[in-house]
């Protein structure tokens, strides 16, 4: 599956199965088949030897959160 995603300015707290809580940025996406989805991203990494200045600059650009964004997430869609 391929998903085209864009970041938002919305940060949520995700509780893991062991009870710890981690912040996650909400990203909006759409699959190749046109299915809209949302991703909760806790980490993004760029190779340590890569020039990540453009990546960091683009990461700071984001549309405002939408009022129709998610408020609850079905745990069946989580991978840990």
PDB file of N, CA and C in Angstrom:
ATOM      1  N   UNK A   1       0.851  -1.171   0.000  1.00  0.00           N
ATOM      2  CA  UNK A   1       0.000   0.000   0.000  1.00  0.00           C
ATOM      3  C   UNK A   1       0.894   1.231   0.000  1.00  0.00           C
ATOM      4  N   UNK A   2       0.512   2.226  -0.777  1.00  0.00           N
ATOM      5  CA  UNK A   2       1.204   3.508  -0.749  1.00  0.00           C
ATOM      6  C   UNK A   2       0.211   4.564  -0.315  1.00  0.00           C
ATOM      7  N   UNK A   3       0.688   5.471   0.532  1.00  0.00           N
ATOM      8  CA  UNK A   3      -0.145   6.556   1.051  1.00  0.00           C
ATOM      9  C   UNK A   3       0.607   7.861   0.850  1.00  0.00           C
ATOM     10  N   UNK A   4      -0.044   8.845   0.268  1.00  0.00           N
ATOM     11  CA  UNK A   4       0.516  10.189   0.166  1.00  0.00           C
ATOM     12  C   UNK A   4       0.022  10.955   1.383  1.00  0.00           C
ATOM     13  N   UNK A   5       0.956  11.513   2.181  1.00  0.00           N
ATOM     14  CA  UNK A   5       0.564  12.141   3.440  1.00  0.00           C
ATOM     15  C   UNK A   5       1.042  13.585   3.512  1.00  0.00           C
ATOM     16  N   UNK A   6       0.341  14.374   4.337  1.00  0.00           N
ATOM     17  CA  UNK A   6       0.778  15.732   4.655  1.00  0.00           C
ATOM     18  C   UNK A   6       0.580  15.942   6.148  1.00  0.00           C
ATOM     19  N   UNK A   7       1.537  16.664   6.740  1.00  0.00           N
ATOM     20  CA  UNK A   7       1.454  16.865   8.186  1.00  0.00           C
ATOM     21  C   UNK A   7       0.443  17.941   8.534  1.00  0.00           C
ATOM     22  N   UNK A   8       0.010  17.942   9.777  1.00  0.00           N
ATOM     23  CA  UNK A   8      -0.880  18.979  10.304  1.00  0.00           C
ATOM     24  C   UNK A   8      -0.195  19.573  11.528  1.00  0.00           C
ATOM     25  N   UNK A   9      -0.824  20.557  12.112  1.00  0.00           N
ATOM     26  CA  UNK A   9      -0.272  21.130  13.345  1.00  0.00           C
ATOM     27  C   UNK A   9      -0.888  20.487  14.582  1.00  0.00           C
ATOM     28  N   UNK A  10      -1.678  19.437  14.406  1.00  0.00           N
ATOM     29  CA  UNK A  10      -2.370  18.801  15.520  1.00  0.00           C
ATOM     30  C   UNK A  10      -1.487  17.741  16.176  1.00  0.00           C
ATOM     31  N   UNK A  11      -1.307  17.850  17.484  1.00  0.00           N
ATOM     32  CA  UNK A  11      -0.560  16.877  18.268  1.00  0.00           C
ATOM     33  C   UNK A  11      -1.531  16.220  19.246  1.00  0.00           C
ATOM     34  N   UNK A  12      -1.518  14.907  19.295  1.00  0.00           N
ATOM     35  CA  UNK A  12      -2.377  14.159  20.218  1.00  0.00           C
ATOM     36  C   UNK A  12      -1.492  13.294  21.107  1.00  0.00           C
ATOM     37  N   UNK A  13      -2.056  12.795  22.179  1.00  0.00           N
ATOM     38  CA  UNK A  13      -1.339  11.880  23.060  1.00  0.00           C
ATOM     39  C   UNK A  13      -1.876  10.483  22.817  1.00  0.00           C
ATOM     40  N   UNK A  14      -0.966   9.556  22.577  1.00  0.00           N
ATOM     41  CA  UNK A  14      -1.335   8.170  22.327  1.00  0.00           C
ATOM     42  C   UNK A  14      -0.882   7.339  23.511  1.00  0.00           C
ATOM     43  N   UNK A  15      -1.802   6.542  24.038  1.00  0.00           N
ATOM     44  CA  UNK A  15      -1.451   5.650  25.128  1.00  0.00           C
ATOM     45  C   UNK A  15      -1.118   4.287  24.543  1.00  0.00           C
ATOM     46  N   UNK A  16       0.054   3.771  24.858  1.00  0.00           N
ATOM     47  CA  UNK A  16       0.480   2.484  24.338  1.00  0.00           C
ATOM     48  C   UNK A  16      -0.116   1.362  25.184  1.00  0.00           C
ATOM     49  N   UNK A  17       0.057   0.149  24.709  1.00  0.00           N
ATOM     50  CA  UNK A  17      -0.517  -0.997  25.427  1.00  0.00           C
ATOM     51  C   UNK A  17       0.061  -1.163  26.818  1.00  0.00           C
ATOM     52  N   UNK A  18       1.295  -0.697  27.032  1.00  0.00           N
ATOM     53  CA  UNK A  18       1.889  -0.827  28.371  1.00  0.00           C
ATOM     54  C   UNK A  18       1.521   0.342  29.287  1.00  0.00           C
ATOM     55  N   UNK A  19       0.663   1.243  28.797  1.00  0.00           N
ATOM     56  CA  UNK A  19       0.186   2.344  29.622  1.00  0.00           C
ATOM     57  C   UNK A  19       0.994   3.627  29.509  1.00  0.00           C
ATOM     58  N   UNK A  20       2.137   3.592  28.831  1.00  0.00           N
ATOM     59  CA  UNK A  20       2.905   4.826  28.670  1.00  0.00           C
ATOM     60  C   UNK A  20       2.222   5.718  27.638  1.00  0.00           C
ATOM     61  N   UNK A  21       2.491   7.003  27.721  1.00  0.00           N
ATOM     62  CA  UNK A  21       1.859   7.975  26.821  1.00  0.00           C
ATOM     63  C   UNK A  21       2.933   8.683  26.018  1.00  0.00           C
ATOM     64  N   UNK A  22       2.696   8.811  24.724  1.00  0.00           N
ATOM     65  CA  UNK A  22       3.648   9.478  23.842  1.00  0.00           C
ATOM     66  C   UNK A  22       2.902  10.484  22.960  1.00  0.00           C
ATOM     67  N   UNK A  23       3.528  11.620  22.660  1.00  0.00           N
ATOM     68  CA  UNK A  23       2.911  12.573  21.746  1.00  0.00           C
ATOM     69  C   UNK A  23       3.034  12.066  20.308  1.00  0.00           C
ATOM     70  N   UNK A  24       2.036  12.360  19.501  1.00  0.00           N
ATOM     71  CA  UNK A  24       2.050  11.962  18.096  1.00  0.00           C
ATOM     72  C   UNK A  24       1.457  13.095  17.264  1.00  0.00           C
ATOM     73  N   UNK A  25       2.082  13.384  16.139  1.00  0.00           N
ATOM     74  CA  UNK A  25       1.526  14.380  15.217  1.00  0.00           C
ATOM     75  C   UNK A  25       0.533  13.677  14.301  1.00  0.00           C
ATOM     76  N   UNK A  26      -0.602  14.319  14.055  1.00  0.00           N
ATOM     77  CA  UNK A  26      -1.610  13.783  13.148  1.00  0.00           C
ATOM     78  C   UNK A  26      -1.221  14.195  11.725  1.00  0.00           C
ATOM     79  N   UNK A  27      -1.158  13.209  10.843  1.00  0.00           N
ATOM     80  CA  UNK A  27      -0.919  13.441   9.422  1.00  0.00           C
ATOM     81  C   UNK A  27      -2.156  12.981   8.663  1.00  0.00           C
ATOM     82  N   UNK A  28      -2.540  13.712   7.621  1.00  0.00           N
ATOM     83  CA  UNK A  28      -3.653  13.315   6.757  1.00  0.00           C
ATOM     84  C   UNK A  28      -3.087  12.624   5.536  1.00  0.00           C
ATOM     85  N   UNK A  29      -3.794  11.616   5.067  1.00  0.00           N
ATOM     86  CA  UNK A  29      -3.298  10.897   3.907  1.00  0.00           C
ATOM     87  C   UNK A  29      -4.416  10.410   3.012  1.00  0.00           C
ATOM     88  N   UNK A  30      -3.992   9.930   1.842  1.00  0.00           N
ATOM     89  CA  UNK A  30      -4.910   9.304   0.904  1.00  0.00           C
ATOM     90  C   UNK A  30      -4.147   8.175   0.207  1.00  0.00           C
ATOM     91  N   UNK A  31      -4.786   7.022   0.110  1.00  0.00           N
ATOM     92  CA  UNK A  31      -4.148   5.877  -0.531  1.00  0.00           C
ATOM     93  C   UNK A  31      -4.221   6.031  -2.044  1.00  0.00           C
ATOM     94  N   UNK A  32      -3.477   5.189  -2.745  1.00  0.00           N
ATOM     95  CA  UNK A  32      -3.542   5.195  -4.209  1.00  0.00           C
ATOM     96  C   UNK A  32      -4.961   4.944  -4.703  1.00  0.00           C
ATOM     97  N   UNK A  33      -5.737   4.216  -3.923  1.00  0.00           N
ATOM     98  CA  UNK A  33      -7.115   3.925  -4.289  1.00  0.00           C
ATOM     99  C   UNK A  33      -8.094   5.020  -3.914  1.00  0.00           C
ATOM    100  N   UNK A  34      -7.600   6.111  -3.305  1.00  0.00           N
ATOM    101  CA  UNK A  34      -8.461   7.233  -2.970  1.00  0.00           C
ATOM    102  C   UNK A  34      -9.082   7.191  -1.592  1.00  0.00           C
ATOM    103  N   UNK A  35      -8.661   6.261  -0.749  1.00  0.00           N
ATOM    104  CA  UNK A  35      -9.211   6.157   0.608  1.00  0.00           C
ATOM    105  C   UNK A  35      -8.489   7.166   1.506  1.00  0.00           C
ATOM    106  N   UNK A  36      -9.258   8.061   2.132  1.00  0.00           N
ATOM    107  CA  UNK A  36      -8.675   9.026   3.056  1.00  0.00           C
ATOM    108  C   UNK A  36      -8.371   8.345   4.389  1.00  0.00           C
ATOM    109  N   UNK A  37      -7.260   8.721   4.998  1.00  0.00           N
ATOM    110  CA  UNK A  37      -6.883   8.140   6.268  1.00  0.00           C
ATOM    111  C   UNK A  37      -6.111   9.164   7.087  1.00  0.00           C
ATOM    112  N   UNK A  38      -5.892   8.838   8.333  1.00  0.00           N
ATOM    113  CA  UNK A  38      -5.087   9.680   9.208  1.00  0.00           C
ATOM    114  C   UNK A  38      -4.040   8.815   9.864  1.00  0.00           C
ATOM    115  N   UNK A  39      -2.857   9.373  10.049  1.00  0.00           N
ATOM    116  CA  UNK A  39      -1.753   8.656  10.663  1.00  0.00           C
ATOM    117  C   UNK A  39      -1.338   9.395  11.915  1.00  0.00           C
ATOM    118  N   UNK A  40      -0.979   8.652  12.940  1.00  0.00           N
ATOM    119  CA  UNK A  40      -0.460   9.226  14.173  1.00  0.00           C
ATOM    120  C   UNK A  40       1.024   8.898  14.205  1.00  0.00           C
ATOM    121  N   UNK A  41       1.856   9.880  13.937  1.00  0.00           N
ATOM    122  CA  UNK A  41       3.286   9.648  13.774  1.00  0.00           C
ATOM    123  C   UNK A  41       4.021  10.099  15.037  1.00  0.00           C
ATOM    124  N   UNK A  42       4.737   9.158  15.642  1.00  0.00           N
ATOM    125  CA  UNK A  42       5.481   9.484  16.849  1.00  0.00           C
ATOM    126  C   UNK A  42       6.942   9.775  16.553  1.00  0.00           C
ATOM    127  N   UNK A  43       7.461   9.276  15.446  1.00  0.00           N
ATOM    128  CA  UNK A  43       8.866   9.505  15.096  1.00  0.00           C
ATOM    129  C   UNK A  43       9.034   9.513  13.584  1.00  0.00           C
ATOM    130  N   UNK A  44       9.920  10.363  13.112  1.00  0.00           N
ATOM    131  CA  UNK A  44      10.348  10.368  11.713  1.00  0.00           C
ATOM    132  C   UNK A  44      11.851  10.540  11.738  1.00  0.00           C
ATOM    133  N   UNK A  45      12.546   9.723  10.979  1.00  0.00           N
ATOM    134  CA  UNK A  45      14.007   9.785  11.001  1.00  0.00           C
ATOM    135  C   UNK A  45      14.558  10.018   9.599  1.00  0.00           C
ATOM    136  N   UNK A  46      15.639  10.759   9.544  1.00  0.00           N
ATOM    137  CA  UNK A  46      16.408  10.962   8.325  1.00  0.00           C
ATOM    138  C   UNK A  46      17.789  10.391   8.613  1.00  0.00           C
ATOM    139  N   UNK A  47      18.390   9.756   7.628  1.00  0.00           N
ATOM    140  CA  UNK A  47      19.712   9.146   7.847  1.00  0.00           C
ATOM    141  C   UNK A  47      20.674  10.173   8.429  1.00  0.00           C
ATOM    142  N   UNK A  48      21.470   9.748   9.381  1.00  0.00           N
ATOM    143  CA  UNK A  48      22.350  10.669  10.109  1.00  0.00           C
ATOM    144  C   UNK A  48      23.352  11.388   9.220  1.00  0.00           C
ATOM    145  N   UNK A  49      23.714  10.817   8.083  1.00  0.00           N
ATOM    146  CA  UNK A  49      24.681  11.456   7.185  1.00  0.00           C
ATOM    147  C   UNK A  49      24.019  12.328   6.113  1.00  0.00           C
ATOM    148  N   UNK A  50      22.706  12.319   6.050  1.00  0.00           N
ATOM    149  CA  UNK A  50      21.988  13.084   5.031  1.00  0.00           C
ATOM    150  C   UNK A  50      21.849  14.548   5.438  1.00  0.00           C
ATOM    151  N   UNK A  51      21.767  15.428   4.450  1.00  0.00           N
ATOM    152  CA  UNK A  51      21.475  16.841   4.705  1.00  0.00           C
ATOM    153  C   UNK A  51      19.965  16.940   4.908  1.00  0.00           C
ATOM    154  N   UNK A  52      19.546  17.106   6.160  1.00  0.00           N
ATOM    155  CA  UNK A  52      18.109  17.118   6.451  1.00  0.00           C
ATOM    156  C   UNK A  52      17.537  18.525   6.594  1.00  0.00           C
ATOM    157  N   UNK A  53      18.250  19.545   6.173  1.00  0.00           N
ATOM    158  CA  UNK A  53      17.762  20.926   6.327  1.00  0.00           C
ATOM    159  C   UNK A  53      16.457  21.144   5.557  1.00  0.00           C
ATOM    160  N   UNK A  54      16.356  20.627   4.331  1.00  0.00           N
ATOM    161  CA  UNK A  54      15.117  20.781   3.560  1.00  0.00           C
ATOM    162  C   UNK A  54      13.982  20.017   4.218  1.00  0.00           C
ATOM    163  N   UNK A  55      14.277  18.827   4.735  1.00  0.00           N
ATOM    164  CA  UNK A  55      13.264  18.023   5.414  1.00  0.00           C
ATOM    165  C   UNK A  55      12.710  18.763   6.628  1.00  0.00           C
ATOM    166  N   UNK A  56      13.599  19.304   7.442  1.00  0.00           N
ATOM    167  CA  UNK A  56      13.157  20.029   8.639  1.00  0.00           C
ATOM    168  C   UNK A  56      12.352  21.269   8.275  1.00  0.00           C
ATOM    169  N   UNK A  57      12.753  21.966   7.234  1.00  0.00           N
ATOM    170  CA  UNK A  57      12.031  23.160   6.792  1.00  0.00           C
ATOM    171  C   UNK A  57      10.623  22.780   6.328  1.00  0.00           C
ATOM    172  N   UNK A  58      10.516  21.720   5.525  1.00  0.00           N
ATOM    173  CA  UNK A  58       9.207  21.289   5.030  1.00  0.00           C
ATOM    174  C   UNK A  58       8.326  20.772   6.157  1.00  0.00           C
ATOM    175  N   UNK A  59       8.922  20.153   7.158  1.00  0.00           N
ATOM    176  CA  UNK A  59       8.152  19.636   8.279  1.00  0.00           C
ATOM    177  C   UNK A  59       7.488  20.764   9.068  1.00  0.00           C
ATOM    178  N   UNK A  60       8.076  21.940   9.076  1.00  0.00           N
ATOM    179  CA  UNK A  60       7.512  23.087   9.788  1.00  0.00           C
ATOM    180  C   UNK A  60       6.306  23.673   9.066  1.00  0.00           C
ATOM    181  N   UNK A  61       6.161  23.374   7.770  1.00  0.00           N
ATOM    182  CA  UNK A  61       5.027  23.875   6.989  1.00  0.00           C
ATOM    183  C   UNK A  61       3.881  22.890   7.122  1.00  0.00           C
ATOM    184  N   UNK A  62       2.733  23.379   7.564  1.00  0.00           N
ATOM    185  CA  UNK A  62       1.590  22.492   7.701  1.00  0.00           C
ATOM    186  C   UNK A  62       0.316  23.309   7.667  1.00  0.00           C
ATOM    187  N   UNK A  63      -0.741  22.701   7.126  1.00  0.00           N
ATOM    188  CA  UNK A  63      -2.038  23.372   7.142  1.00  0.00           C
ATOM    189  C   UNK A  63      -2.615  23.325   8.549  1.00  0.00           C
ATOM    190  N   UNK A  64      -3.542  24.217   8.872  1.00  0.00           N
ATOM    191  CA  UNK A  64      -4.168  24.179  10.193  1.00  0.00           C
ATOM    192  C   UNK A  64      -5.009  22.914  10.360  1.00  0.00           C
ATOM    193  N   UNK A  65      -5.214  22.513  11.594  1.00  0.00           N
ATOM    194  CA  UNK A  65      -6.037  21.336  11.879  1.00  0.00           C
ATOM    195  C   UNK A  65      -7.460  21.580  11.401  1.00  0.00           C
ATOM    196  N   UNK A  66      -8.105  20.511  10.974  1.00  0.00           N
ATOM    197  CA  UNK A  66      -9.490  20.608  10.511  1.00  0.00           C
ATOM    198  C   UNK A  66     -10.439  20.231  11.643  1.00  0.00           C
ATOM    199  N   UNK A  67     -11.580  20.881  11.675  1.00  0.00           N
ATOM    200  CA  UNK A  67     -12.564  20.601  12.726  1.00  0.00           C
ATOM    201  C   UNK A  67     -13.106  19.183  12.627  1.00  0.00           C
ATOM    202  N   UNK A  68     -13.073  18.587  11.425  1.00  0.00           N
ATOM    203  CA  UNK A  68     -13.612  17.235  11.262  1.00  0.00           C
ATOM    204  C   UNK A  68     -12.567  16.157  11.515  1.00  0.00           C
ATOM    205  N   UNK A  69     -11.464  16.527  12.145  1.00  0.00           N
ATOM    206  CA  UNK A  69     -10.399  15.562  12.460  1.00  0.00           C
ATOM    207  C   UNK A  69     -10.859  14.560  13.492  1.00  0.00           C
ATOM    208  N   UNK A  70     -10.088  13.511  13.663  1.00  0.00           N
ATOM    209  CA  UNK A  70     -10.494  12.437  14.572  1.00  0.00           C
ATOM    210  C   UNK A  70     -10.428  12.849  16.036  1.00  0.00           C
ATOM    211  N   UNK A  71     -11.271  12.263  16.826  1.00  0.00           N
ATOM    212  CA  UNK A  71     -11.265  12.493  18.262  1.00  0.00           C
ATOM    213  C   UNK A  71     -11.003  11.198  19.011  1.00  0.00           C
ATOM    214  N   UNK A  72     -11.231  10.062  18.341  1.00  0.00           N
ATOM    215  CA  UNK A  72     -10.980   8.755  18.946  1.00  0.00           C
ATOM    216  C   UNK A  72     -10.444   7.837  17.855  1.00  0.00           C
ATOM    217  N   UNK A  73      -9.643   6.862  18.257  1.00  0.00           N
ATOM    218  CA  UNK A  73      -9.022   5.957  17.301  1.00  0.00           C
ATOM    219  C   UNK A  73      -9.313   4.523  17.689  1.00  0.00           C
ATOM    220  N   UNK A  74      -9.651   3.717  16.713  1.00  0.00           N
ATOM    221  CA  UNK A  74      -9.903   2.304  16.932  1.00  0.00           C
ATOM    222  C   UNK A  74      -8.561   1.589  17.076  1.00  0.00           C
ATOM    223  N   UNK A  75      -8.315   0.937  18.201  1.00  0.00           N
ATOM    224  CA  UNK A  75      -7.045   0.292  18.465  1.00  0.00           C
ATOM    225  C   UNK A  75      -6.724  -0.842  17.485  1.00  0.00           C
ATOM    226  N   UNK A  76      -7.706  -1.336  16.741  1.00  0.00           N
ATOM    227  CA  UNK A  76      -7.430  -2.378  15.760  1.00  0.00           C
ATOM    228  C   UNK A  76      -6.502  -1.876  14.653  1.00  0.00           C
ATOM    229  N   UNK A  77      -6.428  -0.562  14.456  1.00  0.00           N
ATOM    230  CA  UNK A  77      -5.609   0.000  13.391  1.00  0.00           C
ATOM    231  C   UNK A  77      -4.201   0.385  13.850  1.00  0.00           C
ATOM    232  N   UNK A  78      -3.863   0.090  15.075  1.00  0.00           N
ATOM    233  CA  UNK A  78      -2.540   0.434  15.616  1.00  0.00           C
ATOM    234  C   UNK A  78      -1.594  -0.746  15.492  1.00  0.00           C
ATOM    235  N   UNK A  79      -0.361  -0.436  15.227  1.00  0.00           N
ATOM    236  CA  UNK A  79       0.702  -1.440  15.205  1.00  0.00           C
ATOM    237  C   UNK A  79       1.715  -1.031  16.247  1.00  0.00           C
ATOM    238  N   UNK A  80       2.048  -1.926  17.153  1.00  0.00           N
ATOM    239  CA  UNK A  80       3.097  -1.604  18.128  1.00  0.00           C
ATOM    240  C   UNK A  80       4.028  -2.761  18.336  1.00  0.00           C
TER     241      UNK A  80
END
